[in-house]
């Protein structure tokens, strides 16, 4: 026969296991809001935020094929708008690899159309055996604001501790020493 404490303990274990399983399942699935955030930033013409949102969605992982296609399209369009041709062409080539029949809508910007046409021409051109003399630069990593960086706050905490310790030692060794346990006395002016 089980006493009430062991029943409660077993119940707590069951709840904990179920919570861990739900957390793992939720983590494995992509957050549809992350892809929607990138799309919304593009629709709101906040192109600087698009690349950050695309990177964040990819870091979260668990993207479906269609989500990856949409993120790559937004990335290619944004690089084309920024007139960053090497990155735009690279993104369009990745987009064509994901969805070979992709074509931009007829009402897209001429910048986007030109980058897409270059990517399509390079994709159909014969591949050279020699490597290019100047490889394509990697995509810029999204930079986190300084005050939101854990490295900043960790460094600030370390500096504060060292400064406080140095100040304590400097003030503690200056002047007359009092005996341990005695706060000492001083006269007021």
Protein backbone atom coordinates (compact mmCIF):
# COMPACT_ATOMS: atom_id res chain seq x y z
CA UNK A 1 0.00 0.00 0.00
CA UNK A 2 1.31 3.45 -0.96
CA UNK A 3 1.26 6.33 1.41
CA UNK A 4 0.09 9.77 0.31
CA UNK A 5 3.61 11.22 0.09
CA UNK A 6 4.72 8.66 -2.51
CA UNK A 7 1.53 9.21 -4.53
CA UNK A 8 2.18 12.95 -4.59
CA UNK A 9 5.81 12.32 -5.55
CA UNK A 10 4.81 10.01 -8.42
CA UNK A 11 2.23 12.54 -9.57
CA UNK A 12 4.88 15.25 -9.58
CA UNK A 13 7.18 13.02 -11.66
CA UNK A 14 4.43 12.39 -14.20
CA UNK A 15 3.69 16.11 -14.47
CA UNK A 16 7.40 16.89 -14.89
CA UNK A 17 7.84 14.26 -17.63
CA UNK A 18 4.77 15.51 -19.50
CA UNK A 19 5.98 19.11 -19.23
CA UNK A 20 9.41 18.15 -20.61
CA UNK A 21 7.80 16.27 -23.51
CA UNK A 22 5.56 19.23 -24.37
CA UNK A 23 8.53 21.62 -24.18
CA UNK A 24 10.58 19.38 -26.48
CA UNK A 25 7.72 19.10 -28.98
CA UNK A 26 7.13 22.85 -28.97
CA UNK A 27 10.84 23.49 -29.43
CA UNK A 28 11.02 21.10 -32.38
CA UNK A 29 8.32 22.97 -34.29
CA UNK A 30 9.08 26.31 -35.86
CA UNK A 31 7.33 29.27 -34.42
CA UNK A 32 5.10 30.45 -37.28
CA UNK A 33 5.30 33.89 -35.72
CA UNK A 34 9.03 34.06 -36.49
CA UNK A 35 8.41 33.70 -40.23
CA UNK A 36 5.45 36.08 -39.98
CA UNK A 37 7.70 38.62 -38.21
CA UNK A 38 10.09 38.62 -41.17
CA UNK A 39 7.20 38.95 -43.64
CA UNK A 40 5.62 41.76 -41.60
CA UNK A 41 8.94 43.66 -41.43
CA UNK A 42 9.23 43.39 -45.22
CA UNK A 43 5.63 44.49 -45.74
CA UNK A 44 6.18 47.45 -43.38
CA UNK A 45 9.31 48.43 -45.39
CA UNK A 46 11.56 47.86 -42.35
CA UNK A 47 14.23 46.17 -44.46
CA UNK A 48 16.92 46.33 -41.77
CA UNK A 49 14.67 44.25 -39.52
CA UNK A 50 13.97 41.67 -42.24
CA UNK A 51 17.46 40.17 -42.18
CA UNK A 52 17.45 40.05 -38.37
CA UNK A 53 14.07 38.30 -38.37
CA UNK A 54 15.22 35.82 -41.05
CA UNK A 55 18.34 34.97 -39.04
CA UNK A 56 16.31 34.60 -35.83
CA UNK A 57 13.79 32.28 -37.51
CA UNK A 58 16.58 30.09 -38.87
CA UNK A 59 18.30 29.96 -35.48
CA UNK A 60 15.06 28.75 -33.90
CA UNK A 61 15.05 25.86 -36.38
CA UNK A 62 12.24 23.45 -37.18
CA UNK A 63 11.31 25.26 -40.40
CA UNK A 64 9.16 23.61 -43.02
CA UNK A 65 10.26 23.63 -46.65
CA UNK A 66 7.74 26.37 -47.43
CA UNK A 67 8.99 28.48 -44.49
CA UNK A 68 12.56 28.14 -45.77
CA UNK A 69 11.44 29.18 -49.26
CA UNK A 70 9.65 32.24 -47.87
CA UNK A 71 12.60 33.26 -45.69
CA UNK A 72 15.03 32.87 -48.58
CA UNK A 73 12.74 34.93 -50.84
CA UNK A 74 12.57 37.72 -48.24
CA UNK A 75 16.34 37.57 -47.79
CA UNK A 76 16.95 37.79 -51.58
CA UNK A 77 14.48 40.65 -52.03
CA UNK A 78 15.99 42.58 -49.12
CA UNK A 79 19.56 42.21 -50.35
CA UNK A 80 18.42 43.35 -53.81
CA UNK A 81 16.74 46.40 -52.30
CA UNK A 82 19.96 47.19 -50.40
CA UNK A 83 21.80 46.87 -53.75
CA UNK A 84 24.00 44.13 -52.29
CA UNK A 85 24.23 42.18 -55.52
CA UNK A 86 26.53 39.31 -54.41
CA UNK A 87 24.28 38.42 -51.47
CA UNK A 88 21.09 38.95 -53.48
CA UNK A 89 22.30 36.67 -56.29
CA UNK A 90 23.45 34.06 -53.76
CA UNK A 91 20.08 34.14 -52.00
CA UNK A 92 18.21 33.87 -55.31
CA UNK A 93 20.37 30.89 -56.30
CA UNK A 94 19.53 29.19 -53.00
CA UNK A 95 15.87 30.04 -53.60
CA UNK A 96 16.02 28.45 -57.07
CA UNK A 97 17.62 25.36 -55.55
CA UNK A 98 14.75 25.14 -53.03
CA UNK A 99 12.04 25.90 -55.58
CA UNK A 100 13.32 25.55 -59.17
CA UNK A 101 10.15 27.00 -60.74
CA UNK A 102 10.21 30.21 -58.69
CA UNK A 103 9.70 33.48 -60.54
CA UNK A 104 9.13 36.86 -58.91
CA UNK A 105 5.78 38.49 -59.44
CA UNK A 106 5.63 40.92 -62.37
CA UNK A 107 5.21 43.95 -60.12
CA UNK A 108 8.52 43.59 -58.21
CA UNK A 109 11.16 46.30 -58.20
CA UNK A 110 13.58 46.43 -61.15
CA UNK A 111 16.42 45.92 -58.64
CA UNK A 112 14.87 42.62 -57.53
CA UNK A 113 14.18 41.55 -61.12
CA UNK A 114 17.80 42.31 -62.18
CA UNK A 115 19.30 40.32 -59.29
CA UNK A 116 16.95 37.40 -59.99
CA UNK A 117 17.85 37.39 -63.69
CA UNK A 118 21.57 37.37 -62.83
CA UNK A 119 21.05 34.45 -60.44
CA UNK A 120 19.07 32.52 -63.05
CA UNK A 121 21.75 33.17 -65.73
CA UNK A 122 24.52 32.05 -63.38
CA UNK A 123 22.54 28.97 -62.45
CA UNK A 124 22.16 27.91 -66.08
CA UNK A 125 25.73 28.89 -67.06
CA UNK A 126 28.30 26.08 -67.16
CA UNK A 127 30.19 25.72 -63.91
CA UNK A 128 33.84 26.76 -64.11
CA UNK A 129 36.40 24.30 -62.83
CA UNK A 130 38.61 26.94 -61.25
CA UNK A 131 37.40 28.56 -58.07
CA UNK A 132 36.51 32.24 -58.22
CA UNK A 133 39.32 34.62 -57.39
CA UNK A 134 37.17 36.41 -54.84
CA UNK A 135 34.73 34.19 -52.91
CA UNK A 136 31.34 35.49 -51.95
CA UNK A 137 31.41 37.18 -48.56
CA UNK A 138 29.34 35.55 -45.88
CA UNK A 139 26.08 37.17 -44.89
CA UNK A 140 26.49 39.74 -42.15
CA UNK A 141 25.56 38.38 -38.78
CA UNK A 142 22.80 40.26 -37.06
CA UNK A 143 24.28 42.43 -34.34
CA UNK A 144 22.62 42.58 -31.00
CA UNK A 145 22.39 45.99 -29.32
CA UNK A 146 25.23 46.44 -26.83
CA UNK A 147 23.00 46.81 -23.77
CA UNK A 148 21.23 43.51 -24.58
CA UNK A 149 24.48 41.56 -24.82
CA UNK A 150 25.28 39.18 -21.96
CA UNK A 151 29.00 39.78 -22.65
CA UNK A 152 28.55 43.48 -21.92
CA UNK A 153 26.79 42.89 -18.59
CA UNK A 154 29.23 40.13 -17.59
CA UNK A 155 32.15 42.46 -18.28
CA UNK A 156 30.46 45.33 -16.44
CA UNK A 157 29.87 43.09 -13.41
CA UNK A 158 33.50 41.93 -13.40
CA UNK A 159 34.75 45.51 -13.61
CA UNK A 160 32.41 46.58 -10.80
CA UNK A 161 33.62 43.75 -8.56
CA UNK A 162 37.27 44.51 -9.28
CA UNK A 163 36.76 48.25 -8.76
CA UNK A 164 34.87 47.65 -5.51
CA UNK A 165 37.56 45.30 -4.24
CA UNK A 166 40.30 47.74 -5.21
CA UNK A 167 38.46 50.61 -3.55
CA UNK A 168 37.93 48.54 -0.40
CA UNK A 169 41.61 47.64 -0.23
CA UNK A 170 42.71 51.20 -0.97
CA UNK A 171 40.47 52.77 1.65
CA UNK A 172 40.98 49.99 4.15
CA UNK A 173 44.77 50.30 4.07
CA UNK A 174 44.82 54.10 4.11
CA UNK A 175 45.04 55.89 7.38
CA UNK A 176 45.20 54.47 10.85
CA UNK A 177 44.34 50.85 11.44
CA UNK A 178 41.87 50.04 14.16
CA UNK A 179 41.89 46.83 16.10
CA UNK A 180 39.71 44.00 14.78
CA UNK A 181 36.14 44.24 15.99
CA UNK A 182 36.50 47.90 16.87
CA UNK A 183 34.89 50.39 14.56
CA UNK A 184 37.15 53.11 15.88
CA UNK A 185 36.17 56.59 16.86
CA UNK A 186 36.53 59.93 15.26
CA UNK A 187 35.66 63.45 16.20
CA UNK A 188 33.15 65.50 14.38
CA UNK A 189 34.23 69.04 13.45
